[in-house]
């Protein structure tokens, strides 16, 4: 069975400045450790003049793979704090790379921990987090005379409509959770004047942050 999980809404980069040092946090969706490591190497090549390219990633709905790297910063001051922010937000299938351009002012161990964790936190806020959950397509076919009533029902319940086809009848493709009561409720709403057909399972995304 497909699982519900959280990840970033989209790929992106967010920059902050702390005591004249520039911190660029790159966030990227990934599905495998290989993809994560390839992305880290890509950033390192692009920003080879940077002082550090620290990283952290979590792979799998069960967070089975967790990795981090301080990339030359004092041990435990960069990669692990970055990883902790990802864990605290319960997001997976994402790699974070924080590129630091040193500004001449040393931050100390505590300052580095705060800087790298803040960099990831700010990037997550700006880029966004989504909940990804499995839902099933259900095709609801009705007469044109019932369209307004069904649309009002759909809007009131907050269902997501994937597609609508207007032929001799009208067919709505609606995404539902497992054991959703839509069939029973729509059957009662339309006095049985409706046909249902179940479709495929797919993931849908809802922004939560």
Protein backbone atom coordinates (compact mmCIF):
# COMPACT_ATOMS: atom_id res chain seq x y z
CA UNK A 1 0.00 0.00 0.00
CA UNK A 2 1.24 3.49 -0.82
CA UNK A 3 2.18 5.62 2.17
CA UNK A 4 1.50 9.21 3.20
CA UNK A 5 4.58 11.37 3.70
CA UNK A 6 5.85 14.96 3.71
CA UNK A 7 8.37 16.58 1.41
CA UNK A 8 9.25 19.98 -0.06
CA UNK A 9 6.72 21.66 -2.35
CA UNK A 10 9.32 22.33 -5.06
CA UNK A 11 13.05 22.55 -5.64
CA UNK A 12 14.70 25.86 -4.84
CA UNK A 13 17.41 27.93 -3.18
CA UNK A 14 17.19 30.52 -0.41
CA UNK A 15 20.04 32.78 0.69
CA UNK A 16 20.59 34.37 4.11
CA UNK A 17 23.49 36.40 5.51
CA UNK A 18 24.88 35.99 9.01
CA UNK A 19 27.77 38.20 10.16
CA UNK A 20 28.86 38.83 6.58
CA UNK A 21 28.92 35.12 5.67
CA UNK A 22 26.54 34.11 2.87
CA UNK A 23 24.59 30.88 3.35
CA UNK A 24 22.79 29.47 0.30
CA UNK A 25 20.45 26.58 1.07
CA UNK A 26 19.57 24.38 -1.91
CA UNK A 27 16.64 21.98 -1.47
CA UNK A 28 15.96 19.25 -4.00
CA UNK A 29 13.50 16.37 -4.19
CA UNK A 30 15.24 13.01 -4.58
CA UNK A 31 14.15 9.38 -4.51
CA UNK A 32 17.49 7.58 -4.05
CA UNK A 33 20.78 8.07 -2.25
CA UNK A 34 22.48 8.15 -5.65
CA UNK A 35 20.32 11.08 -6.76
CA UNK A 36 21.10 12.91 -3.52
CA UNK A 37 24.85 12.44 -3.90
CA UNK A 38 24.74 13.51 -7.55
CA UNK A 39 22.95 16.72 -6.57
CA UNK A 40 25.51 17.43 -3.84
CA UNK A 41 28.34 17.01 -6.35
CA UNK A 42 26.55 19.30 -8.81
CA UNK A 43 26.36 22.07 -6.21
CA UNK A 44 30.01 21.54 -5.24
CA UNK A 45 31.05 21.94 -8.88
CA UNK A 46 28.93 25.06 -9.33
CA UNK A 47 30.18 26.62 -6.10
CA UNK A 48 33.74 25.38 -6.03
CA UNK A 49 34.93 28.77 -4.77
CA UNK A 50 32.74 28.47 -1.64
CA UNK A 51 34.40 27.66 1.68
CA UNK A 52 31.99 24.82 2.45
CA UNK A 53 29.15 22.85 0.81
CA UNK A 54 27.56 21.03 3.74
CA UNK A 55 24.74 18.57 3.18
CA UNK A 56 22.03 16.39 4.67
CA UNK A 57 19.41 14.13 3.16
CA UNK A 58 16.60 11.78 4.16
CA UNK A 59 15.30 9.10 1.79
CA UNK A 60 12.21 6.89 2.01
CA UNK A 61 8.75 7.33 3.61
CA UNK A 62 10.12 5.58 6.70
CA UNK A 63 13.26 7.81 6.69
CA UNK A 64 15.38 4.69 6.26
CA UNK A 65 18.38 6.53 4.78
CA UNK A 66 19.81 9.51 6.68
CA UNK A 67 23.15 11.08 5.79
CA UNK A 68 24.96 14.33 6.60
CA UNK A 69 28.31 16.00 5.91
CA UNK A 70 30.10 18.93 7.58
CA UNK A 71 32.37 19.37 4.53
CA UNK A 72 35.24 20.87 6.53
CA UNK A 73 33.28 22.71 9.20
CA UNK A 74 33.98 21.59 12.79
CA UNK A 75 32.45 18.17 13.43
CA UNK A 76 28.74 18.29 14.27
CA UNK A 77 28.26 22.00 13.51
CA UNK A 78 26.70 21.81 10.04
CA UNK A 79 25.44 18.51 8.58
CA UNK A 80 23.81 17.17 11.75
CA UNK A 81 21.97 20.44 12.57
CA UNK A 82 20.73 20.53 8.98
CA UNK A 83 19.54 16.92 9.25
CA UNK A 84 17.76 17.69 12.52
CA UNK A 85 15.71 20.44 10.87
CA UNK A 86 14.59 18.02 8.16
CA UNK A 87 13.69 15.43 10.82
CA UNK A 88 11.82 17.95 12.97
CA UNK A 89 9.69 18.90 9.98
CA UNK A 90 9.12 15.20 9.25
CA UNK A 91 10.04 15.56 5.59
CA UNK A 92 11.64 12.87 3.44
CA UNK A 93 12.91 12.35 -0.11
CA UNK A 94 14.84 15.60 0.06
CA UNK A 95 18.47 16.67 0.03
CA UNK A 96 19.66 19.97 1.53
CA UNK A 97 22.98 21.55 0.59
CA UNK A 98 24.10 24.71 2.40
CA UNK A 99 26.87 26.56 0.59
CA UNK A 100 28.84 28.98 2.76
CA UNK A 101 30.90 31.90 1.53
CA UNK A 102 32.95 33.02 4.54
CA UNK A 103 32.60 36.72 5.36
CA UNK A 104 35.62 37.10 7.62
CA UNK A 105 33.91 36.80 11.01
CA UNK A 106 34.17 33.47 12.84
CA UNK A 107 30.88 32.24 14.31
CA UNK A 108 32.09 29.65 16.81
CA UNK A 109 30.57 26.20 17.22
CA UNK A 110 27.25 27.44 18.61
CA UNK A 111 27.00 30.12 15.95
CA UNK A 112 27.66 27.63 13.17
CA UNK A 113 24.99 25.25 14.46
CA UNK A 114 22.46 28.09 14.56
CA UNK A 115 23.51 29.38 11.14
CA UNK A 116 23.21 26.06 9.32
CA UNK A 117 19.95 25.07 11.00
CA UNK A 118 18.48 28.53 10.38
CA UNK A 119 19.50 28.35 6.73
CA UNK A 120 17.53 25.14 6.23
CA UNK A 121 14.58 26.37 8.32
CA UNK A 122 14.27 29.59 6.33
CA UNK A 123 14.52 27.70 3.05
CA UNK A 124 11.72 25.34 4.11
CA UNK A 125 9.52 28.29 5.06
CA UNK A 126 10.03 30.01 1.73
CA UNK A 127 9.93 26.93 -0.50
CA UNK A 128 7.09 25.20 1.34
CA UNK A 129 6.21 21.74 2.62
CA UNK A 130 3.52 19.45 1.23
CA UNK A 131 1.79 16.33 2.45
CA UNK A 132 1.83 13.66 -0.23
CA UNK A 133 -0.82 10.99 0.17
CA UNK A 134 -2.25 8.17 -1.94
CA UNK A 135 -5.76 8.71 -3.24
CA UNK A 136 -7.95 6.79 -5.66
CA UNK A 137 -9.70 8.12 -8.75
CA UNK A 138 -13.45 7.69 -8.79
CA UNK A 139 -15.39 8.53 -11.93
CA UNK A 140 -18.84 9.95 -11.15
CA UNK A 141 -21.17 10.10 -14.16
CA UNK A 142 -24.38 12.13 -13.91
CA UNK A 143 -26.98 13.89 -16.00
CA UNK A 144 -26.44 17.56 -16.86
CA UNK A 145 -29.37 18.52 -14.63
CA UNK A 146 -27.47 17.30 -11.55
CA UNK A 147 -24.20 19.15 -12.22
CA UNK A 148 -24.87 22.16 -9.97
CA UNK A 149 -25.96 19.97 -7.08
CA UNK A 150 -22.87 17.73 -7.36
CA UNK A 151 -20.48 20.66 -7.74
CA UNK A 152 -21.93 22.26 -4.62
CA UNK A 153 -21.42 18.97 -2.76
CA UNK A 154 -17.82 18.63 -4.01
CA UNK A 155 -16.92 22.20 -3.00
CA UNK A 156 -18.54 21.81 0.41
CA UNK A 157 -16.63 18.62 1.15
CA UNK A 158 -13.33 19.92 -0.23
CA UNK A 159 -12.77 17.12 -2.75
CA UNK A 160 -10.15 17.53 -5.47
CA UNK A 161 -11.48 17.19 -9.03
CA UNK A 162 -8.82 15.81 -11.35
CA UNK A 163 -10.81 16.10 -14.57
CA UNK A 164 -14.31 16.72 -15.94
CA UNK A 165 -15.69 15.39 -19.24
CA UNK A 166 -18.78 16.82 -20.86
CA UNK A 167 -20.23 14.30 -23.33
CA UNK A 168 -23.78 12.91 -23.48
CA UNK A 169 -23.48 12.88 -19.69
CA UNK A 170 -21.02 14.62 -17.37
CA UNK A 171 -18.23 12.63 -15.72
CA UNK A 172 -16.21 13.99 -12.81
CA UNK A 173 -12.91 12.35 -11.91
CA UNK A 174 -12.61 12.92 -8.15
CA UNK A 175 -9.73 11.96 -5.85
CA UNK A 176 -10.79 10.18 -2.65
CA UNK A 177 -9.12 8.66 0.40
CA UNK A 178 -9.41 4.99 1.27
CA UNK A 179 -12.86 4.11 2.71
CA UNK A 180 -14.23 7.52 1.74
CA UNK A 181 -18.08 7.69 1.96
CA UNK A 182 -18.45 9.66 -1.31
CA UNK A 183 -20.34 6.91 -3.15
CA UNK A 184 -22.97 6.51 -0.44
CA UNK A 185 -23.39 10.26 0.06
CA UNK A 186 -23.66 11.10 -3.66
CA UNK A 187 -26.05 8.18 -4.25
CA UNK A 188 -28.33 9.58 -1.55
CA UNK A 189 -27.87 13.17 -2.76
CA UNK A 190 -28.91 12.31 -6.33
CA UNK A 191 -31.51 9.66 -5.48
CA UNK A 192 -29.45 6.95 -7.15
CA UNK A 193 -29.25 8.74 -10.51
CA UNK A 194 -25.47 8.30 -10.76
CA UNK A 195 -22.87 5.82 -12.00
CA UNK A 196 -19.50 5.16 -10.33
CA UNK A 197 -16.29 3.61 -11.62
CA UNK A 198 -13.10 3.27 -9.60
CA UNK A 199 -9.82 4.27 -11.24
CA UNK A 200 -6.15 4.17 -10.34
CA UNK A 201 -4.31 5.14 -7.19
CA UNK A 202 -1.97 8.12 -7.44
CA UNK A 203 -0.32 10.59 -5.12
CA UNK A 204 -1.84 14.01 -4.45
CA UNK A 205 -0.07 16.90 -2.75
CA UNK A 206 -1.48 19.36 -0.22
CA UNK A 207 0.50 22.34 1.02
CA UNK A 208 0.80 22.36 4.80
CA UNK A 209 3.46 25.04 5.43
